[in-house]
Amino acid sequence: MILAIGAIGLLLAGLPFVTSASKTSTVQRKGYLVAAASGIIGGSYVIPMQATHTLQSGFFSSSLSIFAIGIPLLFLSRRWIKREIVAGVISGSLFNAGSLFVLMAIASIGITVAYPISQTATLFAVSWGVLYFKEISNRRNILKVITGSVMILSGAMLLSIA
């Protein structure tokens, strides 16, 4: 239990390092709240799987919730831009494939090991932003991202052995 608490502390402490490397604004602070709510809601998709002990229930509930939220947002958007819709379909397909692999990993090696490892996906998204899109160019801010990434990875490793 002590390792688990320390691991969660490292995960939470590492996130501000990774996210604070860019400009801080009111919009960004609201984004933290929305991201926390998203994490709580998004992380709860494994509850039906654990209750029914079937892989399909967890994957179905996750995909259904994304579909139920995404379709109204698509219709409420101001413009239908073909390029953005294609990009959204591709990214949604990748997300669902990733979710399926997470659920398969949970079924194979258990939730206590597979789920913390899957939460490091944030680091891949940040890596794309830093390395490919050049969103952060200041050396000091890149060091913050690296520090936060090490903390997140350490927390995920601790959580998986806790």
N, C-alpha and C. Protein backbone atom coordinates (compact mmCIF):
# COMPACT_ATOMS: atom_id res chain seq x y z
N MET A 1 0.82 -1.20 0.00
CA MET A 1 0.00 0.00 0.00
C MET A 1 0.87 1.27 0.00
N ILE A 2 1.99 1.21 0.70
CA ILE A 2 2.89 2.37 0.74
C ILE A 2 3.47 2.63 -0.65
N LEU A 3 3.84 1.56 -1.35
CA LEU A 3 4.35 1.73 -2.71
C LEU A 3 3.28 2.32 -3.62
N ALA A 4 2.04 1.87 -3.48
CA ALA A 4 0.95 2.38 -4.31
C ALA A 4 0.71 3.86 -4.05
N ILE A 5 0.74 4.27 -2.81
CA ILE A 5 0.54 5.68 -2.48
C ILE A 5 1.70 6.52 -3.02
N GLY A 6 2.93 6.01 -2.86
CA GLY A 6 4.09 6.71 -3.42
C GLY A 6 4.03 6.80 -4.93
N ALA A 7 3.56 5.72 -5.57
CA ALA A 7 3.44 5.70 -7.04
C ALA A 7 2.43 6.72 -7.52
N ILE A 8 1.29 6.77 -6.87
CA ILE A 8 0.27 7.75 -7.26
C ILE A 8 0.78 9.16 -7.03
N GLY A 9 1.53 9.35 -5.95
CA GLY A 9 2.13 10.66 -5.70
C GLY A 9 3.09 11.06 -6.80
N LEU A 10 3.92 10.11 -7.26
CA LEU A 10 4.85 10.41 -8.36
C LEU A 10 4.12 10.72 -9.66
N LEU A 11 3.07 9.95 -9.95
CA LEU A 11 2.29 10.21 -11.16
C LEU A 11 1.69 11.61 -11.12
N LEU A 12 1.09 11.96 -10.00
CA LEU A 12 0.46 13.27 -9.88
C LEU A 12 1.49 14.40 -9.85
N ALA A 13 2.63 14.16 -9.21
CA ALA A 13 3.66 15.19 -9.14
C ALA A 13 4.34 15.40 -10.49
N GLY A 14 4.41 14.37 -11.31
CA GLY A 14 5.07 14.48 -12.61
C GLY A 14 4.25 15.23 -13.64
N LEU A 15 2.92 15.15 -13.52
CA LEU A 15 2.07 15.81 -14.52
C LEU A 15 2.28 17.32 -14.63
N PRO A 16 2.35 18.06 -13.53
CA PRO A 16 2.58 19.51 -13.68
C PRO A 16 3.89 19.85 -14.38
N PHE A 17 4.92 19.03 -14.18
CA PHE A 17 6.19 19.28 -14.87
C PHE A 17 6.02 19.14 -16.38
N VAL A 18 5.30 18.11 -16.76
CA VAL A 18 5.11 17.85 -18.19
C VAL A 18 4.22 18.91 -18.82
N THR A 19 3.19 19.33 -18.09
CA THR A 19 2.23 20.27 -18.68
C THR A 19 2.59 21.74 -18.47
N SER A 20 3.42 22.06 -17.48
CA SER A 20 3.70 23.47 -17.21
C SER A 20 4.80 24.04 -18.07
N ALA A 21 5.34 23.24 -18.96
CA ALA A 21 6.43 23.72 -19.81
C ALA A 21 5.94 24.74 -20.84
N SER A 22 4.65 24.73 -21.12
CA SER A 22 4.11 25.73 -22.04
C SER A 22 3.51 26.87 -21.24
N LYS A 23 2.95 27.86 -21.94
CA LYS A 23 2.42 29.04 -21.30
C LYS A 23 1.25 28.69 -20.37
N THR A 24 1.15 29.41 -19.24
CA THR A 24 0.06 29.20 -18.30
C THR A 24 -0.99 30.28 -18.54
N SER A 25 -2.23 29.88 -18.59
CA SER A 25 -3.31 30.84 -18.77
C SER A 25 -4.55 30.31 -18.08
N THR A 26 -5.59 31.14 -18.05
CA THR A 26 -6.86 30.73 -17.47
C THR A 26 -7.42 29.53 -18.21
N VAL A 27 -7.27 29.54 -19.52
CA VAL A 27 -7.76 28.42 -20.34
C VAL A 27 -7.03 27.14 -19.93
N GLN A 28 -5.71 27.24 -19.69
CA GLN A 28 -4.93 26.06 -19.32
C GLN A 28 -5.37 25.55 -17.95
N ARG A 29 -5.65 26.44 -17.00
CA ARG A 29 -6.11 26.01 -15.68
C ARG A 29 -7.44 25.28 -15.78
N LYS A 30 -8.35 25.79 -16.61
CA LYS A 30 -9.62 25.09 -16.84
C LYS A 30 -9.36 23.75 -17.50
N GLY A 31 -8.35 23.71 -18.36
CA GLY A 31 -7.98 22.46 -19.03
C GLY A 31 -7.54 21.40 -18.03
N TYR A 32 -6.83 21.81 -16.97
CA TYR A 32 -6.43 20.85 -15.94
C TYR A 32 -7.66 20.21 -15.29
N LEU A 33 -8.66 21.02 -14.99
CA LEU A 33 -9.88 20.49 -14.37
C LEU A 33 -10.61 19.54 -15.31
N VAL A 34 -10.70 19.93 -16.57
CA VAL A 34 -11.36 19.07 -17.56
C VAL A 34 -10.57 17.78 -17.75
N ALA A 35 -9.24 17.88 -17.76
CA ALA A 35 -8.40 16.69 -17.92
C ALA A 35 -8.55 15.75 -16.71
N ALA A 36 -8.64 16.32 -15.51
CA ALA A 36 -8.84 15.49 -14.32
C ALA A 36 -10.19 14.77 -14.38
N ALA A 37 -11.24 15.51 -14.77
CA ALA A 37 -12.55 14.89 -14.91
C ALA A 37 -12.52 13.80 -15.99
N SER A 38 -11.84 14.08 -17.08
CA SER A 38 -11.71 13.10 -18.16
C SER A 38 -11.00 11.85 -17.68
N GLY A 39 -9.96 12.03 -16.89
CA GLY A 39 -9.22 10.88 -16.36
C GLY A 39 -10.08 10.02 -15.44
N ILE A 40 -10.87 10.68 -14.61
CA ILE A 40 -11.75 9.94 -13.70
C ILE A 40 -12.81 9.18 -14.49
N ILE A 41 -13.45 9.88 -15.42
CA ILE A 41 -14.51 9.25 -16.22
C ILE A 41 -13.90 8.21 -17.15
N GLY A 42 -12.81 8.56 -17.83
CA GLY A 42 -12.17 7.63 -18.76
C GLY A 42 -11.60 6.41 -18.06
N GLY A 43 -11.10 6.58 -16.86
CA GLY A 43 -10.56 5.45 -16.11
C GLY A 43 -11.61 4.50 -15.59
N SER A 44 -12.86 4.97 -15.55
CA SER A 44 -13.92 4.13 -15.00
C SER A 44 -14.45 3.11 -16.00
N TYR A 45 -13.92 3.13 -17.23
CA TYR A 45 -14.42 2.17 -18.21
C TYR A 45 -14.05 0.73 -17.86
N VAL A 46 -13.09 0.54 -16.97
CA VAL A 46 -12.74 -0.83 -16.59
C VAL A 46 -13.67 -1.40 -15.53
N ILE A 47 -14.53 -0.56 -14.95
CA ILE A 47 -15.44 -1.04 -13.91
C ILE A 47 -16.40 -2.11 -14.44
N PRO A 48 -17.09 -1.88 -15.59
CA PRO A 48 -17.96 -2.96 -16.09
C PRO A 48 -17.19 -4.25 -16.38
N MET A 49 -15.96 -4.11 -16.85
CA MET A 49 -15.16 -5.30 -17.14
C MET A 49 -14.86 -6.07 -15.86
N GLN A 50 -14.52 -5.34 -14.80
CA GLN A 50 -14.22 -6.01 -13.54
C GLN A 50 -15.48 -6.62 -12.92
N ALA A 51 -16.63 -5.95 -13.09
CA ALA A 51 -17.88 -6.46 -12.52
C ALA A 51 -18.35 -7.72 -13.24
N THR A 52 -18.19 -7.76 -14.56
CA THR A 52 -18.68 -8.91 -15.33
C THR A 52 -17.59 -9.90 -15.68
N HIS A 53 -16.34 -9.50 -15.48
CA HIS A 53 -15.17 -10.34 -15.81
C HIS A 53 -15.13 -10.73 -17.28
N THR A 54 -15.58 -9.81 -18.14
CA THR A 54 -15.48 -10.06 -19.58
C THR A 54 -14.79 -8.89 -20.24
N LEU A 55 -13.96 -9.19 -21.20
CA LEU A 55 -13.23 -8.18 -21.96
C LEU A 55 -14.18 -7.32 -22.79
N GLN A 56 -15.20 -7.94 -23.36
CA GLN A 56 -16.09 -7.24 -24.27
C GLN A 56 -16.88 -6.14 -23.58
N SER A 57 -17.30 -6.32 -22.34
CA SER A 57 -18.11 -5.30 -21.66
C SER A 57 -17.32 -4.02 -21.46
N GLY A 58 -16.04 -4.13 -21.10
CA GLY A 58 -15.22 -2.94 -20.90
C GLY A 58 -14.97 -2.21 -22.19
N PHE A 59 -14.63 -2.94 -23.24
CA PHE A 59 -14.37 -2.32 -24.53
C PHE A 59 -15.63 -1.70 -25.11
N PHE A 60 -16.75 -2.41 -24.97
CA PHE A 60 -18.01 -1.90 -25.49
C PHE A 60 -18.41 -0.61 -24.77
N SER A 61 -18.31 -0.57 -23.44
CA SER A 61 -18.72 0.62 -22.71
C SER A 61 -17.84 1.82 -23.06
N SER A 62 -16.54 1.59 -23.25
CA SER A 62 -15.63 2.66 -23.61
C SER A 62 -15.96 3.19 -25.00
N SER A 63 -16.09 2.30 -25.96
CA SER A 63 -16.37 2.72 -27.33
C SER A 63 -17.73 3.38 -27.45
N LEU A 64 -18.73 2.85 -26.74
CA LEU A 64 -20.08 3.43 -26.80
C LEU A 64 -20.09 4.83 -26.21
N SER A 65 -19.37 5.04 -25.10
CA SER A 65 -19.37 6.37 -24.50
C SER A 65 -18.67 7.39 -25.39
N ILE A 66 -17.59 6.99 -26.03
CA ILE A 66 -16.90 7.91 -26.95
C ILE A 66 -17.79 8.23 -28.15
N PHE A 67 -18.46 7.22 -28.67
CA PHE A 67 -19.37 7.43 -29.79
C PHE A 67 -20.53 8.35 -29.40
N ALA A 68 -21.11 8.09 -28.21
CA ALA A 68 -22.26 8.87 -27.76
C ALA A 68 -21.90 10.34 -27.52
N ILE A 69 -20.67 10.60 -27.13
CA ILE A 69 -20.24 11.97 -26.91
C ILE A 69 -19.76 12.60 -28.21
N GLY A 70 -19.07 11.83 -29.04
CA GLY A 70 -18.46 12.36 -30.26
C GLY A 70 -19.44 12.75 -31.34
N ILE A 71 -20.47 11.95 -31.54
CA ILE A 71 -21.42 12.24 -32.63
C ILE A 71 -22.15 13.57 -32.40
N PRO A 72 -22.71 13.84 -31.20
CA PRO A 72 -23.32 15.16 -31.00
C PRO A 72 -22.33 16.31 -31.17
N LEU A 73 -21.10 16.11 -30.72
CA LEU A 73 -20.10 17.17 -30.89
C LEU A 73 -19.81 17.42 -32.36
N LEU A 74 -19.81 16.36 -33.15
CA LEU A 74 -19.60 16.52 -34.58
C LEU A 74 -20.71 17.36 -35.20
N PHE A 75 -21.96 17.07 -34.82
CA PHE A 75 -23.08 17.81 -35.38
C PHE A 75 -23.16 19.24 -34.86
N LEU A 76 -22.63 19.50 -33.66
CA LEU A 76 -22.65 20.84 -33.09
C LEU A 76 -21.48 21.70 -33.58
N SER A 77 -20.52 21.07 -34.23
CA SER A 77 -19.37 21.85 -34.72
C SER A 77 -19.83 22.84 -35.79
N ARG A 78 -19.08 23.90 -35.93
CA ARG A 78 -19.46 24.97 -36.85
C ARG A 78 -19.32 24.58 -38.31
N ARG A 79 -18.27 23.86 -38.64
CA ARG A 79 -18.00 23.53 -40.04
C ARG A 79 -17.67 22.05 -40.16
N TRP A 80 -17.99 21.53 -41.31
CA TRP A 80 -17.61 20.15 -41.61
C TRP A 80 -16.42 20.24 -42.55
N ILE A 81 -15.24 20.05 -42.02
CA ILE A 81 -14.03 20.13 -42.82
C ILE A 81 -13.53 18.70 -43.04
N LYS A 82 -13.53 18.29 -44.29
CA LYS A 82 -13.21 16.90 -44.64
C LYS A 82 -11.88 16.45 -44.04
N ARG A 83 -10.86 17.28 -44.14
CA ARG A 83 -9.53 16.92 -43.65
C ARG A 83 -9.56 16.66 -42.14
N GLU A 84 -10.28 17.49 -41.39
CA GLU A 84 -10.36 17.31 -39.94
C GLU A 84 -11.18 16.09 -39.57
N ILE A 85 -12.23 15.82 -40.33
CA ILE A 85 -13.04 14.64 -40.06
C ILE A 85 -12.22 13.38 -40.30
N VAL A 86 -11.44 13.35 -41.37
CA VAL A 86 -10.58 12.20 -41.64
C VAL A 86 -9.55 12.03 -40.52
N ALA A 87 -8.95 13.13 -40.09
CA ALA A 87 -7.97 13.06 -39.00
C ALA A 87 -8.65 12.56 -37.72
N GLY A 88 -9.86 13.00 -37.46
CA GLY A 88 -10.60 12.55 -36.28
C GLY A 88 -10.93 11.07 -36.34
N VAL A 89 -11.32 10.60 -37.51
CA VAL A 89 -11.63 9.17 -37.67
C VAL A 89 -10.37 8.33 -37.47
N ILE A 90 -9.25 8.79 -38.01
CA ILE A 90 -7.99 8.05 -37.84
C ILE A 90 -7.57 8.03 -36.38
N SER A 91 -7.62 9.20 -35.72
CA SER A 91 -7.20 9.24 -34.31
C SER A 91 -8.17 8.45 -33.43
N GLY A 92 -9.45 8.49 -33.74
CA GLY A 92 -10.41 7.69 -32.99
C GLY A 92 -10.18 6.20 -33.16
N SER A 93 -9.84 5.81 -34.38
CA SER A 93 -9.55 4.39 -34.64
C SER A 93 -8.30 3.95 -33.88
N LEU A 94 -7.28 4.80 -33.86
CA LEU A 94 -6.07 4.48 -33.10
C LEU A 94 -6.38 4.38 -31.60
N PHE A 95 -7.22 5.30 -31.10
CA PHE A 95 -7.59 5.27 -29.70
C PHE A 95 -8.32 3.97 -29.36
N ASN A 96 -9.27 3.59 -30.21
CA ASN A 96 -10.01 2.36 -29.94
C ASN A 96 -9.12 1.13 -30.04
N ALA A 97 -8.18 1.13 -30.98
CA ALA A 97 -7.23 0.01 -31.06
C ALA A 97 -6.39 -0.04 -29.79
N GLY A 98 -5.93 1.12 -29.34
CA GLY A 98 -5.17 1.17 -28.09
C GLY A 98 -5.98 0.69 -26.90
N SER A 99 -7.24 1.09 -26.84
CA SER A 99 -8.12 0.64 -25.75
C SER A 99 -8.30 -0.87 -25.78
N LEU A 100 -8.46 -1.41 -26.97
CA LEU A 100 -8.61 -2.86 -27.10
C LEU A 100 -7.35 -3.57 -26.61
N PHE A 101 -6.19 -3.06 -26.97
CA PHE A 101 -4.94 -3.68 -26.53
C PHE A 101 -4.76 -3.56 -25.01
N VAL A 102 -5.20 -2.43 -24.44
CA VAL A 102 -5.14 -2.28 -22.98
C VAL A 102 -6.02 -3.33 -22.32
N LEU A 103 -7.22 -3.51 -22.83
CA LEU A 103 -8.12 -4.49 -22.24
C LEU A 103 -7.59 -5.91 -22.41
N MET A 104 -6.96 -6.18 -23.54
CA MET A 104 -6.35 -7.50 -23.74
C MET A 104 -5.19 -7.70 -22.75
N ALA A 105 -4.40 -6.65 -22.53
CA ALA A 105 -3.30 -6.74 -21.58
C ALA A 105 -3.82 -6.95 -20.16
N ILE A 106 -4.91 -6.25 -19.81
CA ILE A 106 -5.50 -6.42 -18.49
C ILE A 106 -5.98 -7.85 -18.31
N ALA A 107 -6.60 -8.40 -19.34
CA ALA A 107 -7.06 -9.79 -19.27
C ALA A 107 -5.89 -10.76 -19.16
N SER A 108 -4.75 -10.43 -19.76
CA SER A 108 -3.60 -11.33 -19.76
C SER A 108 -2.75 -11.23 -18.50
N ILE A 109 -2.42 -10.00 -18.08
CA ILE A 109 -1.47 -9.84 -16.96
C ILE A 109 -2.08 -9.17 -15.74
N GLY A 110 -3.35 -8.80 -15.80
CA GLY A 110 -4.01 -8.21 -14.65
C GLY A 110 -4.00 -6.69 -14.69
N ILE A 111 -5.01 -6.13 -14.05
CA ILE A 111 -5.21 -4.68 -14.08
C ILE A 111 -4.13 -3.93 -13.31
N THR A 112 -3.60 -4.53 -12.25
CA THR A 112 -2.62 -3.80 -11.44
C THR A 112 -1.31 -3.57 -12.16
N VAL A 113 -1.00 -4.38 -13.14
CA VAL A 113 0.24 -4.19 -13.91
C VAL A 113 -0.05 -3.46 -15.22
N ALA A 114 -1.07 -3.91 -15.95
CA ALA A 114 -1.32 -3.38 -17.29
C ALA A 114 -1.85 -1.95 -17.28
N TYR A 115 -2.75 -1.62 -16.37
CA TYR A 115 -3.36 -0.29 -16.41
C TYR A 115 -2.36 0.83 -16.12
N PRO A 116 -1.50 0.72 -15.09
CA PRO A 116 -0.51 1.79 -14.89
C PRO A 116 0.41 1.99 -16.08
N ILE A 117 0.79 0.89 -16.72
CA ILE A 117 1.66 1.01 -17.89
C ILE A 117 0.93 1.75 -19.01
N SER A 118 -0.37 1.46 -19.18
CA SER A 118 -1.14 2.11 -20.25
C SER A 118 -1.28 3.61 -20.02
N GLN A 119 -1.19 4.04 -18.77
CA GLN A 119 -1.34 5.46 -18.48
C GLN A 119 -0.12 6.29 -18.87
N THR A 120 0.92 5.63 -19.29
CA THR A 120 2.09 6.37 -19.78
C THR A 120 1.89 6.84 -21.22
N ALA A 121 0.72 6.58 -21.78
CA ALA A 121 0.42 7.04 -23.14
C ALA A 121 0.54 8.56 -23.24
N THR A 122 0.30 9.26 -22.14
CA THR A 122 0.46 10.71 -22.11
C THR A 122 1.87 11.10 -22.53
N LEU A 123 2.84 10.32 -22.12
CA LEU A 123 4.23 10.63 -22.46
C LEU A 123 4.47 10.55 -23.97
N PHE A 124 3.80 9.62 -24.64
CA PHE A 124 3.94 9.53 -26.09
C PHE A 124 3.33 10.75 -26.76
N ALA A 125 2.19 11.22 -26.25
CA ALA A 125 1.57 12.41 -26.81
C ALA A 125 2.47 13.63 -26.60
N VAL A 126 3.04 13.74 -25.42
CA VAL A 126 3.95 14.86 -25.13
C VAL A 126 5.20 14.76 -26.01
N SER A 127 5.70 13.55 -26.21
CA SER A 127 6.88 13.36 -27.06
C SER A 127 6.63 13.84 -28.48
N TRP A 128 5.45 13.54 -29.02
CA TRP A 128 5.11 14.03 -30.36
C TRP A 128 5.12 15.56 -30.37
N GLY A 129 4.56 16.16 -29.33
CA GLY A 129 4.51 17.62 -29.27
C GLY A 129 5.88 18.25 -29.21
N VAL A 130 6.78 17.64 -28.45
CA VAL A 130 8.12 18.20 -28.29
C VAL A 130 9.01 17.89 -29.49
N LEU A 131 9.05 16.63 -29.90
CA LEU A 131 10.00 16.21 -30.93
C LEU A 131 9.55 16.52 -32.35
N TYR A 132 8.28 16.31 -32.64
CA TYR A 132 7.82 16.47 -34.02
C TYR A 132 7.22 17.85 -34.28
N PHE A 133 6.32 18.28 -33.41
CA PHE A 133 5.63 19.55 -33.64
C PHE A 133 6.39 20.76 -33.09
N LYS A 134 7.48 20.52 -32.37
CA LYS A 134 8.33 21.59 -31.82
C LYS A 134 7.52 22.60 -31.00
N GLU A 135 6.59 22.08 -30.18
CA GLU A 135 5.76 22.96 -29.36
C GLU A 135 6.56 23.61 -28.23
N ILE A 136 7.61 22.94 -27.79
CA ILE A 136 8.46 23.47 -26.73
C ILE A 136 9.88 23.51 -27.26
N SER A 137 10.46 24.70 -27.26
CA SER A 137 11.83 24.81 -27.78
C SER A 137 12.82 25.29 -26.72
N ASN A 138 12.34 25.87 -25.65
CA ASN A 138 13.20 26.37 -24.59
C ASN A 138 13.84 25.19 -23.85
N ARG A 139 15.15 25.22 -23.70
CA ARG A 139 15.89 24.12 -23.06
C ARG A 139 15.40 23.86 -21.64
N ARG A 140 15.13 24.92 -20.90
CA ARG A 140 14.67 24.78 -19.50
C ARG A 140 13.33 24.04 -19.46
N ASN A 141 12.43 24.39 -20.37
CA ASN A 141 11.12 23.74 -20.40
C ASN A 141 11.23 22.28 -20.86
N ILE A 142 12.15 21.99 -21.76
CA ILE A 142 12.37 20.60 -22.18
C ILE A 142 12.89 19.78 -20.99
N LEU A 143 13.76 20.36 -20.16
CA LEU A 143 14.23 19.66 -18.96
C LEU A 143 13.08 19.41 -17.99
N LYS A 144 12.13 20.35 -17.89
CA LYS A 144 10.94 20.13 -17.06
C LYS A 144 10.15 18.94 -17.56
N VAL A 145 9.97 18.87 -18.87
CA VAL A 145 9.22 17.75 -19.46
C VAL A 145 9.93 16.43 -19.18
N ILE A 146 11.25 16.42 -19.31
CA ILE A 146 12.02 15.20 -19.05
C ILE A 146 11.89 14.80 -17.58
N THR A 147 12.00 15.77 -16.67
CA THR A 147 11.86 15.49 -15.25
C THR A 147 10.48 14.91 -14.94
N GLY A 148 9.44 15.53 -15.47
CA GLY A 148 8.09 15.03 -15.26
C GLY A 148 7.90 13.64 -15.85
N SER A 149 8.48 13.41 -17.01
CA SER A 149 8.37 12.10 -17.66
C SER A 149 9.02 11.01 -16.82
N VAL A 150 10.19 11.30 -16.26
CA VAL A 150 10.86 10.33 -15.39
C VAL A 150 10.01 10.05 -14.15
N MET A 151 9.40 11.09 -13.59
CA MET A 151 8.54 10.90 -12.42
C MET A 151 7.33 10.04 -12.77
N ILE A 152 6.71 10.29 -13.91
CA ILE A 152 5.54 9.51 -14.34
C ILE A 152 5.92 8.06 -14.58
N LEU A 153 7.03 7.82 -15.28
CA LEU A 153 7.48 6.45 -15.52
C LEU A 153 7.82 5.74 -14.22
N SER A 154 8.46 6.44 -13.30
CA SER A 154 8.77 5.85 -12.00
C SER A 154 7.51 5.49 -11.24
N GLY A 155 6.53 6.39 -11.29
CA GLY A 155 5.25 6.12 -10.62
C GLY A 155 4.54 4.92 -11.23
N ALA A 156 4.56 4.82 -12.56
CA ALA A 156 3.92 3.69 -13.23
C ALA A 156 4.62 2.38 -12.86
N MET A 157 5.95 2.40 -12.79
CA MET A 157 6.68 1.18 -12.41
C MET A 157 6.38 0.80 -10.97
N LEU A 158 6.39 1.78 -10.08
CA LEU A 158 6.07 1.49 -8.68
C LEU A 158 4.66 0.94 -8.53
N LEU A 159 3.73 1.54 -9.25
CA LEU A 159 2.34 1.10 -9.16
C LEU A 159 2.15 -0.31 -9.68
N SER A 160 2.91 -0.66 -10.71
CA SER A 160 2.77 -2.00 -11.26
C SER A 160 3.37 -3.08 -10.36
N ILE A 161 4.33 -2.72 -9.50
CA ILE A 161 4.89 -3.72 -8.57
C ILE A 161 4.27 -3.64 -7.19
N ALA A 162 3.47 -2.61 -6.94
CA ALA A 162 2.85 -2.44 -5.60
C ALA A 162 1.80 -3.49 -5.34
